[in-house]
Amino acid sequence: MRSIWNGAISFGLVSIPIKLVNATESHSISFRQIHLSDGGRIRYRKVCELDGEEVATAEIGKGYEEADGSLIPITDEDLAQLPIATAKTIEIVSFVPADEIDPLQMDAAYYLAANGPTAAKPYTLLREALKRSRRVAVAKYALRGRERLGMLRVVDDVIAMHGLLWPDEIRVPEGVAPEGKVSVRDAELDLADALMATLGEVEMSSLTDEYREAVEAMISAKSEGAFEPPAEAEVAPAGGKVIDLMAALEKSVRAAKASRGEAAAGAAGAADDAEVTPIRRKPAAAAAPKTVGGKKSTASTASAKKTASGTKKAASRKSAATKSTSKTTAAKKATAGGTSAKKSTAAGASAKKSTAAGASAKKSTAAGASAKKAAPRKRTSA
């Protein structure tokens, strides 16, 4: 690989000759500007504002523009004569744990290659010292006309340097976070943890730029005259709905497990088609039974009677029990006992007597009921 800078690492009194090599490269596809009518290429020409003539690159220098618009010429020789210790030296200033470096400061990355046989020994010494200490080196260096901050760390058997932004170049994130207080429940965090665990880890080397691959395939097809526009992908409209976060998390966990061939379990065992609705769940304390009024209790008892009997007579008793709010608890139990007793043919007679004794006001009704039941029995026996 071609070096872009030659210098040395200053490690205390140790000087390590090195070459700076780009550790990254861009694979993005670049396009040229063309004239749509005839396909001719559009070029930018560097023209002097004073005489209007095009200027060659060799004749172009640097200049600093002041507030009034006047330009002060600055030459490479002027910059080279500045008394900067880092002009040709990567000067290590400290060693710190790697987690003390804010990732927001990360910039371009470089490999530091030992420059010549004499650099092999001190280069290896610094590399192994960084490995054993599990620290990174913070350094200052000058590149492309400005002094920069860098971080040295070990990658395999090579010392790599990450360019760092200066601390005052990191903007304070004012007004970026959501406004107002937002609460997140433990159940939602549990599902988020389950989704993270299901997605798991990925081999970074397996990730590819699918967009670039699609563009390359399109260019290849156009060059061969066999390009066909692909079907337009359906894009779901954004916004307009309140998301049920729990349902969305559960569905995400199931989808992630399905993509890995795992069976959905635990919190992900809810219905597949979760609706997109606002979250309205009661807290755990609301599950405890509450004391309610007499009317609700009477309605509940009547509903239970209806379920237990399932006959027209039970329905009429339920209607009577609902209207009569003066019934005592003992009378209700007796009536319920009478209802269940009517279902049993073996103990029917004794249960009817107990019901009649418990509610004197219903003696006539009980007598009518027993008379109605007696008639069918006579016909059956005949």
Protein backbone atom coordinates (compact mmCIF):
# COMPACT_ATOMS: atom_id res chain seq x y z
CA MET A 1 0.00 0.00 0.00
CA ARG A 2 1.18 3.50 -0.82
CA SER A 3 2.15 5.67 2.12
CA ILE A 4 0.72 9.18 2.38
CA TRP A 5 3.04 10.49 5.11
CA ASN A 6 6.47 9.62 6.50
CA GLY A 7 7.62 10.46 10.01
CA ALA A 8 8.19 8.89 13.41
CA ILE A 9 6.38 7.96 16.59
CA SER A 10 7.76 9.76 19.62
CA PHE A 11 7.44 7.32 22.54
CA GLY A 12 9.29 9.08 25.36
CA LEU A 13 12.92 8.91 24.32
CA VAL A 14 12.12 6.18 21.79
CA SER A 15 11.67 7.24 18.17
CA ILE A 16 10.01 4.78 15.78
CA PRO A 17 10.26 5.60 12.04
CA ILE A 18 6.90 4.88 10.43
CA LYS A 19 4.90 5.30 7.23
CA LEU A 20 1.26 6.35 7.30
CA VAL A 21 -1.03 4.20 5.14
CA ASN A 22 -4.77 4.62 4.64
CA ALA A 23 -6.63 1.88 6.54
CA THR A 24 -9.96 2.50 4.80
CA GLU A 25 -11.17 3.06 1.27
CA SER A 26 -14.45 4.16 -0.26
CA HIS A 27 -16.34 1.80 -2.56
CA SER A 28 -19.14 4.25 -3.27
CA ILE A 29 -20.01 4.65 -6.95
CA SER A 30 -19.38 8.12 -8.33
CA PHE A 31 -21.19 9.69 -11.27
CA ARG A 32 -20.25 12.41 -13.76
CA GLN A 33 -22.43 15.29 -14.81
CA ILE A 34 -23.56 15.09 -18.44
CA HIS A 35 -25.55 17.17 -20.88
CA LEU A 36 -28.96 15.47 -21.14
CA SER A 37 -29.54 16.37 -24.77
CA ASP A 38 -26.37 14.83 -26.22
CA GLY A 39 -24.66 13.01 -23.32
CA GLY A 40 -21.60 15.24 -23.34
CA ARG A 41 -19.65 15.47 -20.09
CA ILE A 42 -19.87 18.64 -18.02
CA ARG A 43 -16.52 19.73 -16.57
CA TYR A 44 -15.54 22.29 -13.99
CA ARG A 45 -12.78 24.61 -15.08
CA LYS A 46 -10.62 26.66 -12.70
CA VAL A 47 -10.69 30.17 -14.05
CA CYS A 48 -9.01 33.26 -12.64
CA GLU A 49 -11.50 35.97 -11.75
CA LEU A 50 -9.15 38.76 -12.86
CA ASP A 51 -8.17 37.73 -16.38
CA GLY A 52 -10.85 35.07 -17.07
CA GLU A 53 -8.27 32.49 -18.15
CA GLU A 54 -8.20 28.83 -17.10
CA VAL A 55 -5.41 28.09 -14.61
CA ALA A 56 -3.39 24.86 -14.39
CA THR A 57 -3.15 23.03 -11.06
CA ALA A 58 0.60 23.74 -10.79
CA GLU A 59 -0.15 27.47 -10.81
CA ILE A 60 -2.70 27.34 -7.99
CA GLY A 61 -1.64 28.13 -4.42
CA LYS A 62 -3.27 28.83 -1.04
CA GLY A 63 -4.62 32.09 0.32
CA TYR A 64 -6.43 33.17 3.47
CA GLU A 65 -9.47 35.38 2.93
CA GLU A 66 -9.99 38.13 5.46
CA ALA A 67 -13.29 39.71 6.48
CA ASP A 68 -13.00 42.46 3.87
CA GLY A 69 -12.47 39.93 1.07
CA SER A 70 -8.73 40.52 0.60
CA LEU A 71 -6.53 37.42 0.20
CA ILE A 72 -3.23 36.77 1.98
CA PRO A 73 -1.03 34.27 0.07
CA ILE A 74 0.21 31.27 2.15
CA THR A 75 2.85 28.94 0.68
CA ASP A 76 3.80 25.40 1.64
CA GLU A 77 7.20 26.76 2.69
CA ASP A 78 5.52 29.15 5.12
CA LEU A 79 3.67 26.26 6.75
CA ALA A 80 6.75 24.02 6.83
CA GLN A 81 8.77 26.65 8.74
CA LEU A 82 6.26 26.89 11.59
CA PRO A 83 7.77 25.67 14.90
CA ILE A 84 5.43 22.70 15.37
CA ALA A 85 6.89 19.62 17.08
CA THR A 86 4.34 17.37 15.40
CA ALA A 87 5.18 18.41 11.83
CA LYS A 88 6.91 15.07 11.19
CA THR A 89 6.22 13.30 14.48
CA ILE A 90 3.31 11.47 16.03
CA GLU A 91 3.84 12.57 19.63
CA ILE A 92 2.25 10.31 22.24
CA VAL A 93 0.99 12.40 25.16
CA SER A 94 -0.76 9.76 27.33
CA PHE A 95 -2.12 6.23 27.63
CA VAL A 96 -5.78 5.80 28.60
CA PRO A 97 -8.40 3.02 28.70
CA ALA A 98 -10.13 2.66 25.35
CA ASP A 99 -13.57 3.36 26.82
CA GLU A 100 -12.48 6.88 27.73
CA ILE A 101 -12.41 7.81 24.04
CA ASP A 102 -15.81 9.06 22.89
CA PRO A 103 -16.75 7.32 19.59
CA LEU A 104 -18.12 10.65 18.40
CA GLN A 105 -14.51 11.82 18.11
CA MET A 106 -13.54 9.02 15.69
CA ASP A 107 -12.40 10.22 12.28
CA ALA A 108 -10.28 8.66 9.52
CA ALA A 109 -8.23 5.51 10.26
CA TYR A 110 -4.64 4.72 9.27
CA TYR A 111 -2.15 1.88 9.59
CA LEU A 112 1.30 2.71 10.94
CA ALA A 113 3.93 0.65 9.14
CA ALA A 114 7.50 0.26 10.43
CA ASN A 115 9.76 2.22 8.10
CA GLY A 116 12.95 0.18 7.69
CA PRO A 117 14.68 -2.64 9.63
CA THR A 118 15.76 -0.36 12.48
CA ALA A 119 12.12 0.42 13.26
CA ALA A 120 11.10 -3.24 13.76
CA LYS A 121 12.31 -3.55 17.38
CA PRO A 122 10.80 -0.34 18.87
CA TYR A 123 7.64 -0.84 16.78
CA THR A 124 7.15 -4.33 18.24
CA LEU A 125 7.89 -3.02 21.74
CA LEU A 126 5.16 -0.37 21.53
CA ARG A 127 2.70 -2.83 20.01
CA GLU A 128 3.20 -5.42 22.75
CA ALA A 129 3.08 -2.76 25.47
CA LEU A 130 -0.28 -1.57 24.18
CA LYS A 131 -1.56 -5.15 24.09
CA ARG A 132 -0.50 -5.98 27.63
CA SER A 133 -1.73 -2.74 29.16
CA ARG A 134 -5.07 -2.94 27.33
CA ARG A 135 -4.84 0.78 26.79
CA VAL A 136 -4.69 3.10 23.83
CA ALA A 137 -2.24 5.93 23.19
CA VAL A 138 -3.44 9.49 22.70
CA ALA A 139 -1.15 11.40 20.33
CA LYS A 140 -0.82 14.65 18.41
CA TYR A 141 0.33 14.86 14.79
CA ALA A 142 0.23 17.25 11.84
CA LEU A 143 -1.24 16.24 8.49
CA ARG A 144 -2.43 18.20 5.45
CA GLY A 145 -1.69 21.59 6.92
CA ARG A 146 -3.18 21.23 10.37
CA GLU A 147 -2.39 19.67 13.73
CA ARG A 148 -4.63 16.77 14.65
CA LEU A 149 -5.45 14.47 17.54
CA GLY A 150 -5.07 10.70 17.21
CA MET A 151 -5.55 7.43 19.03
CA LEU A 152 -3.13 4.50 18.59
CA ARG A 153 -4.33 0.94 19.17
CA VAL A 154 -3.37 -2.57 18.09
CA VAL A 155 -5.20 -4.34 15.25
CA ASP A 156 -3.92 -7.91 14.81
CA ASP A 157 -0.13 -7.36 14.58
CA VAL A 158 -0.30 -3.77 13.35
CA ILE A 159 -0.49 -0.43 15.15
CA ALA A 160 -3.47 1.52 13.83
CA MET A 161 -4.15 5.23 14.34
CA HIS A 162 -7.61 6.78 14.39
CA GLY A 163 -7.81 10.46 13.73
CA LEU A 164 -9.82 12.17 16.46
CA LEU A 165 -11.79 15.36 16.44
CA TRP A 166 -10.76 17.90 19.03
CA PRO A 167 -13.12 18.01 22.03
CA ASP A 168 -14.37 21.48 21.08
CA GLU A 169 -15.40 20.14 17.65
CA ILE A 170 -18.11 17.92 19.20
CA ARG A 171 -21.40 19.79 19.33
CA VAL A 172 -23.57 19.71 22.44
CA PRO A 173 -26.84 17.83 21.66
CA GLU A 174 -29.18 20.60 22.76
CA GLY A 175 -32.82 20.15 21.76
CA VAL A 176 -32.19 16.70 20.29
CA ALA A 177 -33.69 14.44 22.98
CA PRO A 178 -37.51 14.02 23.15
CA GLU A 179 -39.19 16.79 25.07
CA GLY A 180 -41.27 16.01 28.14
CA LYS A 181 -41.15 13.07 30.51
CA VAL A 182 -41.52 9.67 28.85
CA SER A 183 -41.94 6.57 31.02
CA VAL A 184 -40.97 3.07 29.91
CA ARG A 185 -42.42 0.09 31.75
CA ASP A 186 -40.52 -2.99 32.85
CA ALA A 187 -42.64 -5.22 30.58
CA GLU A 188 -41.59 -3.16 27.55
CA LEU A 189 -37.93 -3.32 28.60
CA ASP A 190 -38.21 -7.10 29.02
CA LEU A 191 -39.52 -7.47 25.47
CA ALA A 192 -36.79 -5.17 24.16
CA ASP A 193 -34.21 -7.35 25.93
CA ALA A 194 -35.80 -10.46 24.40
CA LEU A 195 -35.58 -8.91 20.93
CA MET A 196 -31.92 -7.98 21.45
CA ALA A 197 -31.15 -11.51 22.64
CA THR A 198 -32.99 -13.04 19.67
CA LEU A 199 -31.20 -10.88 17.11
CA GLY A 200 -27.92 -11.78 18.81
CA GLU A 201 -24.58 -10.98 17.23
CA VAL A 202 -23.47 -10.77 13.62
CA GLU A 203 -20.19 -11.27 11.83
CA MET A 204 -19.26 -7.78 10.65
CA SER A 205 -17.49 -9.28 7.62
CA SER A 206 -20.82 -10.71 6.43
CA LEU A 207 -22.42 -7.26 6.05
CA THR A 208 -22.41 -5.86 2.51
CA ASP A 209 -23.55 -2.71 0.73
CA GLU A 210 -26.66 -4.03 -1.04
CA TYR A 211 -27.45 -0.65 -2.60
CA ARG A 212 -24.01 -0.44 -4.25
CA GLU A 213 -24.39 -4.01 -5.56
CA ALA A 214 -27.79 -3.13 -7.05
CA VAL A 215 -26.33 -0.02 -8.72
CA GLU A 216 -23.44 -2.05 -10.16
CA ALA A 217 -25.88 -4.64 -11.53
CA MET A 218 -27.97 -1.88 -13.12
CA ILE A 219 -24.89 -0.32 -14.76
CA SER A 220 -23.80 -3.72 -16.07
CA ALA A 221 -27.26 -4.43 -17.49
CA LYS A 222 -27.44 -1.00 -19.16
CA SER A 223 -24.03 -1.45 -20.75
CA GLU A 224 -25.19 -4.76 -22.22
CA GLY A 225 -28.52 -3.32 -23.37
CA ALA A 226 -30.53 -5.75 -21.24
CA PHE A 227 -31.74 -3.46 -18.51
CA GLU A 228 -35.31 -3.86 -17.28
CA PRO A 229 -36.69 -1.58 -14.59
CA PRO A 230 -37.38 -3.59 -11.42
CA ALA A 231 -40.83 -3.74 -9.88
CA GLU A 232 -41.48 -0.78 -7.64
CA ALA A 233 -41.18 -1.74 -4.00
CA GLU A 234 -44.19 -1.15 -1.81
CA VAL A 235 -43.50 1.38 0.91
CA ALA A 236 -45.83 1.53 3.87
CA PRO A 237 -47.04 5.05 4.64
CA ALA A 238 -45.37 6.58 7.66
CA GLY A 239 -47.19 8.17 10.56
CA GLY A 240 -50.90 8.51 11.21
CA LYS A 241 -51.18 5.68 13.74
CA VAL A 242 -50.51 5.23 17.41
CA ILE A 243 -48.23 2.24 17.81
CA ASP A 244 -49.01 -0.43 20.38
CA LEU A 245 -45.40 -0.76 21.53
CA MET A 246 -45.95 -4.07 23.33
CA ALA A 247 -47.58 -5.65 20.27
CA ALA A 248 -44.85 -4.32 17.98
CA LEU A 249 -42.10 -5.71 20.24
CA GLU A 250 -43.82 -9.10 20.52
CA LYS A 251 -44.23 -9.29 16.76
CA SER A 252 -40.58 -8.31 16.25
CA VAL A 253 -39.40 -11.06 18.60
CA ARG A 254 -41.50 -13.65 16.74
CA ALA A 255 -40.22 -12.45 13.36
CA ALA A 256 -36.60 -12.56 14.54
CA LYS A 257 -37.03 -16.07 15.91
CA ALA A 258 -38.77 -17.22 12.74
CA SER A 259 -35.90 -15.89 10.62
CA ARG A 260 -33.50 -17.98 12.73
CA GLY A 261 -35.72 -21.06 12.63
CA GLU A 262 -36.60 -20.89 16.30
CA ALA A 263 -40.03 -21.46 17.81
CA ALA A 264 -41.66 -18.45 19.39
CA ALA A 265 -41.96 -18.77 23.16
CA GLY A 266 -42.44 -16.85 26.36
CA ALA A 267 -43.45 -13.27 25.88
CA ALA A 268 -43.53 -13.74 22.12
CA GLY A 269 -46.39 -16.26 22.35
CA ALA A 270 -49.17 -13.72 21.80
CA ALA A 271 -51.48 -13.59 18.77
CA ASP A 272 -49.77 -13.18 15.40
CA ASP A 273 -51.94 -10.36 14.14
CA ALA A 274 -51.49 -7.70 16.81
CA GLU A 275 -53.52 -4.58 16.23
CA VAL A 276 -51.90 -1.16 16.13
CA THR A 277 -53.72 0.50 19.02
CA PRO A 278 -52.81 2.65 22.01
CA ILE A 279 -51.48 0.83 25.06
CA ARG A 280 -54.06 0.64 27.83
CA ARG A 281 -52.99 -1.90 30.41
CA LYS A 282 -53.96 -1.85 34.07
CA PRO A 283 -51.24 -1.94 36.73
CA ALA A 284 -50.74 -5.14 38.71
CA ALA A 285 -52.49 -3.67 41.78
CA ALA A 286 -55.73 -3.31 39.77
CA ALA A 287 -56.00 -7.11 39.50
CA ALA A 288 -57.19 -7.34 43.14
CA PRO A 289 -61.01 -7.57 43.58
CA LYS A 290 -62.73 -4.33 44.51
CA THR A 291 -65.81 -3.72 46.69
CA VAL A 292 -68.74 -2.75 44.48
CA GLY A 293 -72.30 -1.56 45.01
CA GLY A 294 -75.34 -3.74 45.67
CA LYS A 295 -76.65 -3.47 42.13
CA LYS A 296 -73.47 -4.82 40.55
CA SER A 297 -73.39 -7.67 43.08
CA THR A 298 -77.01 -8.53 42.38
CA ALA A 299 -76.38 -8.48 38.63
CA SER A 300 -73.38 -10.80 39.07
CA THR A 301 -75.48 -13.26 41.13
CA ALA A 302 -78.26 -13.17 38.58
CA SER A 303 -75.77 -13.80 35.77
CA ALA A 304 -74.40 -16.79 37.67
CA LYS A 305 -77.92 -18.17 38.07
CA LYS A 306 -78.52 -17.84 34.37
CA THR A 307 -75.33 -19.72 33.54
CA ALA A 308 -76.04 -22.46 36.11
CA SER A 309 -79.63 -23.26 35.12
CA GLY A 310 -79.91 -22.43 31.42
CA THR A 311 -83.71 -22.77 31.55
CA LYS A 312 -86.54 -20.31 31.16
CA LYS A 313 -87.48 -20.65 34.80
CA ALA A 314 -83.97 -19.66 35.88
CA ALA A 315 -84.18 -16.59 33.60
CA SER A 316 -87.40 -15.46 35.26
CA ARG A 317 -85.90 -16.00 38.72
CA LYS A 318 -82.88 -13.91 37.62
CA SER A 319 -85.17 -11.07 36.51
CA ALA A 320 -87.01 -11.17 39.81
CA ALA A 321 -83.75 -11.25 41.77
CA THR A 322 -82.45 -8.21 39.83
CA LYS A 323 -85.52 -6.09 40.52
CA SER A 324 -85.72 -7.00 44.19
CA THR A 325 -82.86 -5.22 46.00
CA SER A 326 -84.23 -6.09 49.45
CA LYS A 327 -83.36 -9.81 49.22
CA THR A 328 -80.99 -11.03 51.87
CA THR A 329 -77.84 -13.03 51.21
CA ALA A 330 -79.39 -16.09 52.84
CA ALA A 331 -82.41 -15.93 50.55
CA LYS A 332 -80.16 -15.69 47.48
CA LYS A 333 -78.17 -18.71 48.55
CA ALA A 334 -81.36 -20.63 49.22
CA THR A 335 -82.74 -19.67 45.81
CA ALA A 336 -79.50 -20.68 44.13
CA GLY A 337 -79.60 -23.96 46.03
CA GLY A 338 -83.16 -24.49 44.89
CA THR A 339 -82.16 -23.82 41.29
CA SER A 340 -79.36 -26.36 41.35
CA ALA A 341 -81.59 -28.80 43.21
CA LYS A 342 -84.19 -28.66 40.45
CA LYS A 343 -81.61 -30.06 38.07
CA SER A 344 -81.22 -33.19 40.17
CA THR A 345 -84.14 -35.60 39.72
CA ALA A 346 -83.18 -37.64 42.78
CA ALA A 347 -83.37 -34.81 45.37
CA GLY A 348 -85.89 -32.55 43.60
CA ALA A 349 -88.72 -32.81 46.12
CA SER A 350 -86.63 -32.07 49.21
CA ALA A 351 -84.93 -29.11 47.52
CA LYS A 352 -88.30 -27.58 46.60
CA LYS A 353 -89.43 -27.80 50.22
CA SER A 354 -86.22 -26.11 51.37
CA THR A 355 -86.75 -23.31 48.87
CA ALA A 356 -90.33 -22.82 49.98
CA ALA A 357 -89.28 -22.71 53.66
CA GLY A 358 -86.50 -20.17 52.95
CA ALA A 359 -88.72 -17.72 50.99
CA SER A 360 -92.31 -17.69 52.22
CA ALA A 361 -93.21 -15.07 49.62
CA LYS A 362 -92.58 -17.61 46.83
CA LYS A 363 -94.68 -20.46 48.23
CA SER A 364 -97.29 -20.08 45.54
CA THR A 365 -94.64 -20.02 42.83
CA ALA A 366 -92.93 -23.10 44.25
CA ALA A 367 -96.27 -24.90 44.49
CA GLY A 368 -97.05 -24.04 40.88
CA ALA A 369 -93.68 -25.30 39.79
CA SER A 370 -94.07 -28.59 41.64
CA ALA A 371 -97.59 -28.98 40.17
CA LYS A 372 -96.21 -28.47 36.68
CA LYS A 373 -93.50 -31.05 37.28
CA ALA A 374 -95.95 -33.51 38.84
CA ALA A 375 -98.17 -33.52 35.73
CA PRO A 376 -95.48 -34.73 33.34
CA ARG A 377 -94.50 -37.47 35.75
CA LYS A 378 -98.07 -38.85 35.77
CA ARG A 379 -98.19 -38.89 31.98
CA THR A 380 -94.80 -40.65 31.85
CA SER A 381 -95.79 -43.31 34.31
CA ALA A 382 -99.12 -43.88 32.46
